[in-house]
């Protein structure tokens, strides 16, 4: 089920699963597996799986940011004029 894994964005999941209309770009992948599940009578399962996948993805991203933020801050202090120009 690729859509469950890629369904990290929570907002457009309902319309993409129930109506096959993605509300935003990340929900486009949810339509590939979510809508066929809804047509097969498993809309509730698709909605629950996308919600759980969204929570797990957000949780892991938050933990990763907490662990990597000090390292990123040290690297940011090393930026000079060339790096700012590149940005």
PDB file of N, CA and C in Angstrom:
ATOM      1  N   UNK A   1       0.833  -1.182   0.000  1.00  0.00           N
ATOM      2  CA  UNK A   1       0.000   0.000   0.000  1.00  0.00           C
ATOM      3  C   UNK A   1       0.873   1.237   0.000  1.00  0.00           C
ATOM      4  N   UNK A   2       1.190   1.710  -1.147  1.00  0.00           N
ATOM      5  CA  UNK A   2       2.070   2.865  -1.238  1.00  0.00           C
ATOM      6  C   UNK A   2       1.408   4.131  -0.743  1.00  0.00           C
ATOM      7  N   UNK A   3       0.106   4.264  -0.921  1.00  0.00           N
ATOM      8  CA  UNK A   3      -0.547   5.514  -0.535  1.00  0.00           C
ATOM      9  C   UNK A   3      -0.514   5.715   0.970  1.00  0.00           C
ATOM     10  N   UNK A   4      -0.562   4.641   1.727  1.00  0.00           N
ATOM     11  CA  UNK A   4      -0.530   4.787   3.175  1.00  0.00           C
ATOM     12  C   UNK A   4       0.821   5.331   3.599  1.00  0.00           C
ATOM     13  N   UNK A   5       1.887   4.846   2.981  1.00  0.00           N
ATOM     14  CA  UNK A   5       3.213   5.326   3.325  1.00  0.00           C
ATOM     15  C   UNK A   5       3.415   6.763   2.891  1.00  0.00           C
ATOM     16  N   UNK A   6       2.974   7.110   1.687  1.00  0.00           N
ATOM     17  CA  UNK A   6       3.165   8.456   1.173  1.00  0.00           C
ATOM     18  C   UNK A   6       2.143   9.441   1.708  1.00  0.00           C
ATOM     19  N   UNK A   7       1.130   8.973   2.412  1.00  0.00           N
ATOM     20  CA  UNK A   7       0.073   9.861   2.886  1.00  0.00           C
ATOM     21  C   UNK A   7       0.444  10.584   4.158  1.00  0.00           C
ATOM     22  N   UNK A   8       1.626  11.134   4.210  1.00  0.00           N
ATOM     23  CA  UNK A   8       2.071  11.806   5.417  1.00  0.00           C
ATOM     24  C   UNK A   8       1.356  13.120   5.643  1.00  0.00           C
ATOM     25  N   UNK A   9       0.861  13.729   4.597  1.00  0.00           N
ATOM     26  CA  UNK A   9       0.104  14.953   4.751  1.00  0.00           C
ATOM     27  C   UNK A   9      -1.340  14.577   5.046  1.00  0.00           C
ATOM     28  N   UNK A  10      -1.902  15.178   6.065  1.00  0.00           N
ATOM     29  CA  UNK A  10      -3.194  14.741   6.580  1.00  0.00           C
ATOM     30  C   UNK A  10      -4.366  15.425   5.897  1.00  0.00           C
ATOM     31  N   UNK A  11      -4.201  16.607   5.353  1.00  0.00           N
ATOM     32  CA  UNK A  11      -5.311  17.446   4.929  1.00  0.00           C
ATOM     33  C   UNK A  11      -6.154  16.908   3.795  1.00  0.00           C
ATOM     34  N   UNK A  12      -5.556  16.455   2.709  1.00  0.00           N
ATOM     35  CA  UNK A  12      -6.326  16.085   1.551  1.00  0.00           C
ATOM     36  C   UNK A  12      -6.702  14.625   1.485  1.00  0.00           C
ATOM     37  N   UNK A  13      -6.558  13.912   2.552  1.00  0.00           N
ATOM     38  CA  UNK A  13      -6.771  12.472   2.503  1.00  0.00           C
ATOM     39  C   UNK A  13      -8.226  12.094   2.347  1.00  0.00           C
ATOM     40  N   UNK A  14      -9.144  12.855   2.927  1.00  0.00           N
ATOM     41  CA  UNK A  14     -10.550  12.468   2.906  1.00  0.00           C
ATOM     42  C   UNK A  14     -11.105  12.546   1.486  1.00  0.00           C
ATOM     43  N   UNK A  15     -10.864  13.668   0.818  1.00  0.00           N
ATOM     44  CA  UNK A  15     -11.390  13.793  -0.548  1.00  0.00           C
ATOM     45  C   UNK A  15     -10.677  12.850  -1.514  1.00  0.00           C
ATOM     46  N   UNK A  16      -9.393  12.593  -1.283  1.00  0.00           N
ATOM     47  CA  UNK A  16      -8.691  11.697  -2.200  1.00  0.00           C
ATOM     48  C   UNK A  16      -9.117  10.244  -2.016  1.00  0.00           C
ATOM     49  N   UNK A  17      -9.465   9.853  -0.814  1.00  0.00           N
ATOM     50  CA  UNK A  17      -9.900   8.474  -0.573  1.00  0.00           C
ATOM     51  C   UNK A  17     -11.360   8.285  -0.962  1.00  0.00           C
ATOM     52  N   UNK A  18     -12.217   9.201  -0.567  1.00  0.00           N
ATOM     53  CA  UNK A  18     -13.652   9.005  -0.791  1.00  0.00           C
ATOM     54  C   UNK A  18     -14.122   9.430  -2.174  1.00  0.00           C
ATOM     55  N   UNK A  19     -13.493  10.473  -2.758  1.00  0.00           N
ATOM     56  CA  UNK A  19     -13.976  11.023  -4.018  1.00  0.00           C
ATOM     57  C   UNK A  19     -12.997  10.880  -5.176  1.00  0.00           C
ATOM     58  N   UNK A  20     -11.793  10.390  -4.909  1.00  0.00           N
ATOM     59  CA  UNK A  20     -10.728  10.291  -5.912  1.00  0.00           C
ATOM     60  C   UNK A  20     -10.324  11.667  -6.430  1.00  0.00           C
ATOM     61  N   UNK A  21     -10.417  12.677  -5.560  1.00  0.00           N
ATOM     62  CA  UNK A  21     -10.024  14.049  -5.891  1.00  0.00           C
ATOM     63  C   UNK A  21      -8.985  14.481  -4.852  1.00  0.00           C
ATOM     64  N   UNK A  22      -7.703  14.527  -5.223  1.00  0.00           N
ATOM     65  CA  UNK A  22      -6.705  14.938  -4.230  1.00  0.00           C
ATOM     66  C   UNK A  22      -6.857  16.417  -3.896  1.00  0.00           C
ATOM     67  N   UNK A  23      -6.872  16.725  -2.613  1.00  0.00           N
ATOM     68  CA  UNK A  23      -7.009  18.108  -2.180  1.00  0.00           C
ATOM     69  C   UNK A  23      -5.724  18.902  -2.307  1.00  0.00           C
ATOM     70  N   UNK A  24      -4.594  18.228  -2.286  1.00  0.00           N
ATOM     71  CA  UNK A  24      -3.299  18.869  -2.444  1.00  0.00           C
ATOM     72  C   UNK A  24      -2.327  17.867  -3.055  1.00  0.00           C
ATOM     73  N   UNK A  25      -1.109  18.322  -3.359  1.00  0.00           N
ATOM     74  CA  UNK A  25      -0.162  17.472  -4.086  1.00  0.00           C
ATOM     75  C   UNK A  25       0.205  16.187  -3.342  1.00  0.00           C
ATOM     76  N   UNK A  26       0.497  16.230  -2.040  1.00  0.00           N
ATOM     77  CA  UNK A  26       0.853  14.976  -1.368  1.00  0.00           C
ATOM     78  C   UNK A  26      -0.288  13.954  -1.348  1.00  0.00           C
ATOM     79  N   UNK A  27      -1.517  14.410  -1.404  1.00  0.00           N
ATOM     80  CA  UNK A  27      -2.649  13.484  -1.371  1.00  0.00           C
ATOM     81  C   UNK A  27      -2.848  12.781  -2.706  1.00  0.00           C
ATOM     82  N   UNK A  28      -2.121  13.184  -3.727  1.00  0.00           N
ATOM     83  CA  UNK A  28      -2.255  12.545  -5.029  1.00  0.00           C
ATOM     84  C   UNK A  28      -1.909  11.059  -4.949  1.00  0.00           C
ATOM     85  N   UNK A  29      -0.878  10.708  -4.213  1.00  0.00           N
ATOM     86  CA  UNK A  29      -0.497   9.306  -4.081  1.00  0.00           C
ATOM     87  C   UNK A  29      -1.540   8.509  -3.300  1.00  0.00           C
ATOM     88  N   UNK A  30      -2.270   9.172  -2.413  1.00  0.00           N
ATOM     89  CA  UNK A  30      -3.287   8.479  -1.636  1.00  0.00           C
ATOM     90  C   UNK A  30      -4.428   8.007  -2.519  1.00  0.00           C
ATOM     91  N   UNK A  31      -4.674   8.703  -3.625  1.00  0.00           N
ATOM     92  CA  UNK A  31      -5.757   8.294  -4.516  1.00  0.00           C
ATOM     93  C   UNK A  31      -5.473   6.953  -5.186  1.00  0.00           C
ATOM     94  N   UNK A  32      -4.207   6.597  -5.336  1.00  0.00           N
ATOM     95  CA  UNK A  32      -3.865   5.363  -6.044  1.00  0.00           C
ATOM     96  C   UNK A  32      -4.326   4.113  -5.301  1.00  0.00           C
ATOM     97  N   UNK A  33      -4.246   4.119  -3.992  1.00  0.00           N
ATOM     98  CA  UNK A  33      -4.677   2.960  -3.212  1.00  0.00           C
ATOM     99  C   UNK A  33      -5.919   3.241  -2.384  1.00  0.00           C
ATOM    100  N   UNK A  34      -6.096   4.476  -1.955  1.00  0.00           N
ATOM    101  CA  UNK A  34      -7.221   4.800  -1.080  1.00  0.00           C
ATOM    102  C   UNK A  34      -8.568   4.707  -1.771  1.00  0.00           C
ATOM    103  N   UNK A  35      -8.671   5.258  -2.963  1.00  0.00           N
ATOM    104  CA  UNK A  35      -9.960   5.217  -3.670  1.00  0.00           C
ATOM    105  C   UNK A  35     -10.363   3.802  -4.069  1.00  0.00           C
ATOM    106  N   UNK A  36      -9.446   2.976  -4.592  1.00  0.00           N
ATOM    107  CA  UNK A  36      -9.849   1.580  -4.848  1.00  0.00           C
ATOM    108  C   UNK A  36     -10.279   0.833  -3.584  1.00  0.00           C
ATOM    109  N   UNK A  37      -9.651   1.154  -2.448  1.00  0.00           N
ATOM    110  CA  UNK A  37     -10.096   0.535  -1.203  1.00  0.00           C
ATOM    111  C   UNK A  37     -11.509   0.994  -0.856  1.00  0.00           C
ATOM    112  N   UNK A  38     -11.797   2.286  -1.077  1.00  0.00           N
ATOM    113  CA  UNK A  38     -13.135   2.805  -0.795  1.00  0.00           C
ATOM    114  C   UNK A  38     -14.171   2.155  -1.713  1.00  0.00           C
ATOM    115  N   UNK A  39     -13.815   1.960  -2.980  1.00  0.00           N
ATOM    116  CA  UNK A  39     -14.745   1.304  -3.902  1.00  0.00           C
ATOM    117  C   UNK A  39     -15.000  -0.146  -3.509  1.00  0.00           C
ATOM    118  N   UNK A  40     -14.033  -0.761  -2.859  1.00  0.00           N
ATOM    119  CA  UNK A  40     -14.173  -2.149  -2.421  1.00  0.00           C
ATOM    120  C   UNK A  40     -14.855  -2.250  -1.064  1.00  0.00           C
ATOM    121  N   UNK A  41     -15.333  -1.123  -0.518  1.00  0.00           N
ATOM    122  CA  UNK A  41     -16.022  -1.153   0.763  1.00  0.00           C
ATOM    123  C   UNK A  41     -15.111  -1.036   1.966  1.00  0.00           C
ATOM    124  N   UNK A  42     -13.867  -0.653   1.761  1.00  0.00           N
ATOM    125  CA  UNK A  42     -12.907  -0.543   2.862  1.00  0.00           C
ATOM    126  C   UNK A  42     -12.461   0.906   3.060  1.00  0.00           C
ATOM    127  N   UNK A  43     -13.385   1.861   2.914  1.00  0.00           N
ATOM    128  CA  UNK A  43     -13.055   3.281   3.070  1.00  0.00           C
ATOM    129  C   UNK A  43     -12.601   3.588   4.488  1.00  0.00           C
ATOM    130  N   UNK A  44     -13.239   2.981   5.459  1.00  0.00           N
ATOM    131  CA  UNK A  44     -12.848   3.207   6.851  1.00  0.00           C
ATOM    132  C   UNK A  44     -11.419   2.761   7.113  1.00  0.00           C
ATOM    133  N   UNK A  45     -11.056   1.614   6.575  1.00  0.00           N
ATOM    134  CA  UNK A  45      -9.686   1.124   6.735  1.00  0.00           C
ATOM    135  C   UNK A  45      -8.679   2.080   6.095  1.00  0.00           C
ATOM    136  N   UNK A  46      -9.011   2.571   4.908  1.00  0.00           N
ATOM    137  CA  UNK A  46      -8.105   3.486   4.214  1.00  0.00           C
ATOM    138  C   UNK A  46      -7.943   4.784   4.988  1.00  0.00           C
ATOM    139  N   UNK A  47      -9.038   5.307   5.541  1.00  0.00           N
ATOM    140  CA  UNK A  47      -8.960   6.548   6.316  1.00  0.00           C
ATOM    141  C   UNK A  47      -8.153   6.354   7.592  1.00  0.00           C
ATOM    142  N   UNK A  48      -8.371   5.236   8.257  1.00  0.00           N
ATOM    143  CA  UNK A  48      -7.617   4.967   9.497  1.00  0.00           C
ATOM    144  C   UNK A  48      -6.136   4.791   9.193  1.00  0.00           C
ATOM    145  N   UNK A  49      -5.815   4.022   8.153  1.00  0.00           N
ATOM    146  CA  UNK A  49      -4.408   3.794   7.820  1.00  0.00           C
ATOM    147  C   UNK A  49      -3.707   5.087   7.424  1.00  0.00           C
ATOM    148  N   UNK A  50      -4.388   5.945   6.686  1.00  0.00           N
ATOM    149  CA  UNK A  50      -3.744   7.203   6.298  1.00  0.00           C
ATOM    150  C   UNK A  50      -3.565   8.116   7.510  1.00  0.00           C
ATOM    151  N   UNK A  51      -4.510   8.090   8.432  1.00  0.00           N
ATOM    152  CA  UNK A  51      -4.367   8.884   9.650  1.00  0.00           C
ATOM    153  C   UNK A  51      -3.227   8.395  10.528  1.00  0.00           C
ATOM    154  N   UNK A  52      -3.123   7.089  10.678  1.00  0.00           N
ATOM    155  CA  UNK A  52      -2.036   6.511  11.486  1.00  0.00           C
ATOM    156  C   UNK A  52      -0.685   6.784  10.831  1.00  0.00           C
ATOM    157  N   UNK A  53      -0.618   6.630   9.505  1.00  0.00           N
ATOM    158  CA  UNK A  53       0.638   6.899   8.799  1.00  0.00           C
ATOM    159  C   UNK A  53       1.035   8.361   8.927  1.00  0.00           C
ATOM    160  N   UNK A  54       0.055   9.251   8.890  1.00  0.00           N
ATOM    161  CA  UNK A  54       0.342  10.669   9.053  1.00  0.00           C
ATOM    162  C   UNK A  54       0.891  10.961  10.449  1.00  0.00           C
ATOM    163  N   UNK A  55       0.285  10.354  11.461  1.00  0.00           N
ATOM    164  CA  UNK A  55       0.757  10.560  12.830  1.00  0.00           C
ATOM    165  C   UNK A  55       2.169  10.028  13.019  1.00  0.00           C
ATOM    166  N   UNK A  56       2.422   8.813  12.539  1.00  0.00           N
ATOM    167  CA  UNK A  56       3.750   8.209  12.706  1.00  0.00           C
ATOM    168  C   UNK A  56       4.804   9.033  11.975  1.00  0.00           C
ATOM    169  N   UNK A  57       4.497   9.476  10.764  1.00  0.00           N
ATOM    170  CA  UNK A  57       5.448  10.295  10.018  1.00  0.00           C
ATOM    171  C   UNK A  57       5.745  11.611  10.705  1.00  0.00           C
ATOM    172  N   UNK A  58       4.713  12.276  11.208  1.00  0.00           N
ATOM    173  CA  UNK A  58       4.919  13.546  11.911  1.00  0.00           C
ATOM    174  C   UNK A  58       5.690  13.336  13.214  1.00  0.00           C
ATOM    175  N   UNK A  59       5.392  12.252  13.908  1.00  0.00           N
ATOM    176  CA  UNK A  59       6.085  11.959  15.170  1.00  0.00           C
ATOM    177  C   UNK A  59       7.572  11.706  14.928  1.00  0.00           C
ATOM    178  N   UNK A  60       7.888  10.881  13.929  1.00  0.00           N
ATOM    179  CA  UNK A  60       9.289  10.588  13.640  1.00  0.00           C
ATOM    180  C   UNK A  60      10.023  11.828  13.125  1.00  0.00           C
ATOM    181  N   UNK A  61       9.346  12.653  12.351  1.00  0.00           N
ATOM    182  CA  UNK A  61       9.974  13.883  11.871  1.00  0.00           C
ATOM    183  C   UNK A  61      10.264  14.834  13.023  1.00  0.00           C
ATOM    184  N   UNK A  62       9.361  14.901  13.996  1.00  0.00           N
ATOM    185  CA  UNK A  62       9.578  15.770  15.156  1.00  0.00           C
ATOM    186  C   UNK A  62      10.746  15.269  15.993  1.00  0.00           C
ATOM    187  N   UNK A  63      10.815  13.979  16.221  1.00  0.00           N
ATOM    188  CA  UNK A  63      11.939  13.405  16.980  1.00  0.00           C
ATOM    189  C   UNK A  63      13.255  13.649  16.233  1.00  0.00           C
ATOM    190  N   UNK A  64      13.244  13.424  14.922  1.00  0.00           N
ATOM    191  CA  UNK A  64      14.450  13.662  14.128  1.00  0.00           C
ATOM    192  C   UNK A  64      14.888  15.111  14.168  1.00  0.00           C
ATOM    193  N   UNK A  65      13.938  16.029  14.109  1.00  0.00           N
ATOM    194  CA  UNK A  65      14.283  17.444  14.178  1.00  0.00           C
ATOM    195  C   UNK A  65      14.863  17.798  15.539  1.00  0.00           C
ATOM    196  N   UNK A  66      14.308  17.238  16.596  1.00  0.00           N
ATOM    197  CA  UNK A  66      14.833  17.516  17.933  1.00  0.00           C
ATOM    198  C   UNK A  66      16.265  17.009  18.068  1.00  0.00           C
ATOM    199  N   UNK A  67      16.558  15.869  17.467  1.00  0.00           N
ATOM    200  CA  UNK A  67      17.898  15.301  17.587  1.00  0.00           C
ATOM    201  C   UNK A  67      18.909  15.981  16.680  1.00  0.00           C
ATOM    202  N   UNK A  68      18.469  16.444  15.508  1.00  0.00           N
ATOM    203  CA  UNK A  68      19.400  17.012  14.537  1.00  0.00           C
ATOM    204  C   UNK A  68      19.482  18.529  14.568  1.00  0.00           C
ATOM    205  N   UNK A  69      18.592  19.209  15.285  1.00  0.00           N
ATOM    206  CA  UNK A  69      18.594  20.672  15.298  1.00  0.00           C
ATOM    207  C   UNK A  69      19.912  21.262  15.821  1.00  0.00           C
ATOM    208  N   UNK A  70      20.503  20.742  16.886  1.00  0.00           N
ATOM    209  CA  UNK A  70      21.777  21.323  17.335  1.00  0.00           C
ATOM    210  C   UNK A  70      22.884  21.207  16.277  1.00  0.00           C
ATOM    211  N   UNK A  71      22.942  20.078  15.591  1.00  0.00           N
ATOM    212  CA  UNK A  71      23.939  19.911  14.535  1.00  0.00           C
ATOM    213  C   UNK A  71      23.674  20.873  13.379  1.00  0.00           C
ATOM    214  N   UNK A  72      22.425  21.031  13.006  1.00  0.00           N
ATOM    215  CA  UNK A  72      22.084  21.959  11.927  1.00  0.00           C
ATOM    216  C   UNK A  72      22.407  23.399  12.305  1.00  0.00           C
ATOM    217  N   UNK A  73      22.213  23.739  13.554  1.00  0.00           N
ATOM    218  CA  UNK A  73      22.530  25.098  13.997  1.00  0.00           C
ATOM    219  C   UNK A  73      24.041  25.351  13.916  1.00  0.00           C
ATOM    220  N   UNK A  74      24.847  24.363  14.297  1.00  0.00           N
ATOM    221  CA  UNK A  74      26.304  24.532  14.196  1.00  0.00           C
ATOM    222  C   UNK A  74      26.745  24.706  12.752  1.00  0.00           C
ATOM    223  N   UNK A  75      26.135  23.954  11.851  1.00  0.00           N
ATOM    224  CA  UNK A  75      26.471  24.074  10.432  1.00  0.00           C
ATOM    225  C   UNK A  75      26.024  25.432   9.900  1.00  0.00           C
ATOM    226  N   UNK A  76      24.881  25.918  10.348  1.00  0.00           N
ATOM    227  CA  UNK A  76      24.376  27.208   9.870  1.00  0.00           C
ATOM    228  C   UNK A  76      25.309  28.346  10.246  1.00  0.00           C
ATOM    229  N   UNK A  77      25.984  28.241  11.385  1.00  0.00           N
ATOM    230  CA  UNK A  77      26.917  29.297  11.795  1.00  0.00           C
ATOM    231  C   UNK A  77      28.165  29.327  10.917  1.00  0.00           C
ATOM    232  N   UNK A  78      28.434  28.260  10.181  1.00  0.00           N
ATOM    233  CA  UNK A  78      29.589  28.211   9.297  1.00  0.00           C
ATOM    234  C   UNK A  78      29.325  28.839   7.938  1.00  0.00           C
ATOM    235  N   UNK A  79      28.081  29.216   7.669  1.00  0.00           N
ATOM    236  CA  UNK A  79      27.744  29.812   6.384  1.00  0.00           C
ATOM    237  C   UNK A  79      28.439  31.156   6.225  1.00  0.00           C
ATOM    238  N   UNK A  80      28.958  31.369   5.025  1.00  0.00           N
ATOM    239  CA  UNK A  80      29.585  32.637   4.688  1.00  0.00           C
ATOM    240  C   UNK A  80      28.846  33.304   3.542  1.00  0.00           C
ATOM    241  N   UNK A  81      29.463  34.339   2.966  1.00  0.00           N
ATOM    242  CA  UNK A  81      28.809  35.058   1.867  1.00  0.00           C
ATOM    243  C   UNK A  81      28.505  34.177   0.645  1.00  0.00           C
ATOM    244  N   UNK A  82      29.383  33.251   0.321  1.00  0.00           N
ATOM    245  CA  UNK A  82      29.150  32.399  -0.854  1.00  0.00           C
ATOM    246  C   UNK A  82      27.935  31.502  -0.646  1.00  0.00           C
ATOM    247  N   UNK A  83      27.788  30.959   0.554  1.00  0.00           N
ATOM    248  CA  UNK A  83      26.641  30.097   0.835  1.00  0.00           C
ATOM    249  C   UNK A  83      25.323  30.879   0.820  1.00  0.00           C
ATOM    250  N   UNK A  84      25.354  32.096   1.384  1.00  0.00           N
ATOM    251  CA  UNK A  84      24.159  32.917   1.340  1.00  0.00           C
ATOM    252  C   UNK A  84      23.785  33.288  -0.079  1.00  0.00           C
ATOM    253  N   UNK A  85      24.786  33.559  -0.914  1.00  0.00           N
ATOM    254  CA  UNK A  85      24.513  33.865  -2.311  1.00  0.00           C
ATOM    255  C   UNK A  85      23.911  32.660  -3.030  1.00  0.00           C
ATOM    256  N   UNK A  86      24.407  31.469  -2.700  1.00  0.00           N
ATOM    257  CA  UNK A  86      23.880  30.242  -3.321  1.00  0.00           C
ATOM    258  C   UNK A  86      22.433  29.995  -2.909  1.00  0.00           C
ATOM    259  N   UNK A  87      22.111  30.370  -1.671  1.00  0.00           N
ATOM    260  CA  UNK A  87      20.722  30.198  -1.235  1.00  0.00           C
ATOM    261  C   UNK A  87      19.815  31.166  -1.942  1.00  0.00           C
TER     262      UNK A  87
END
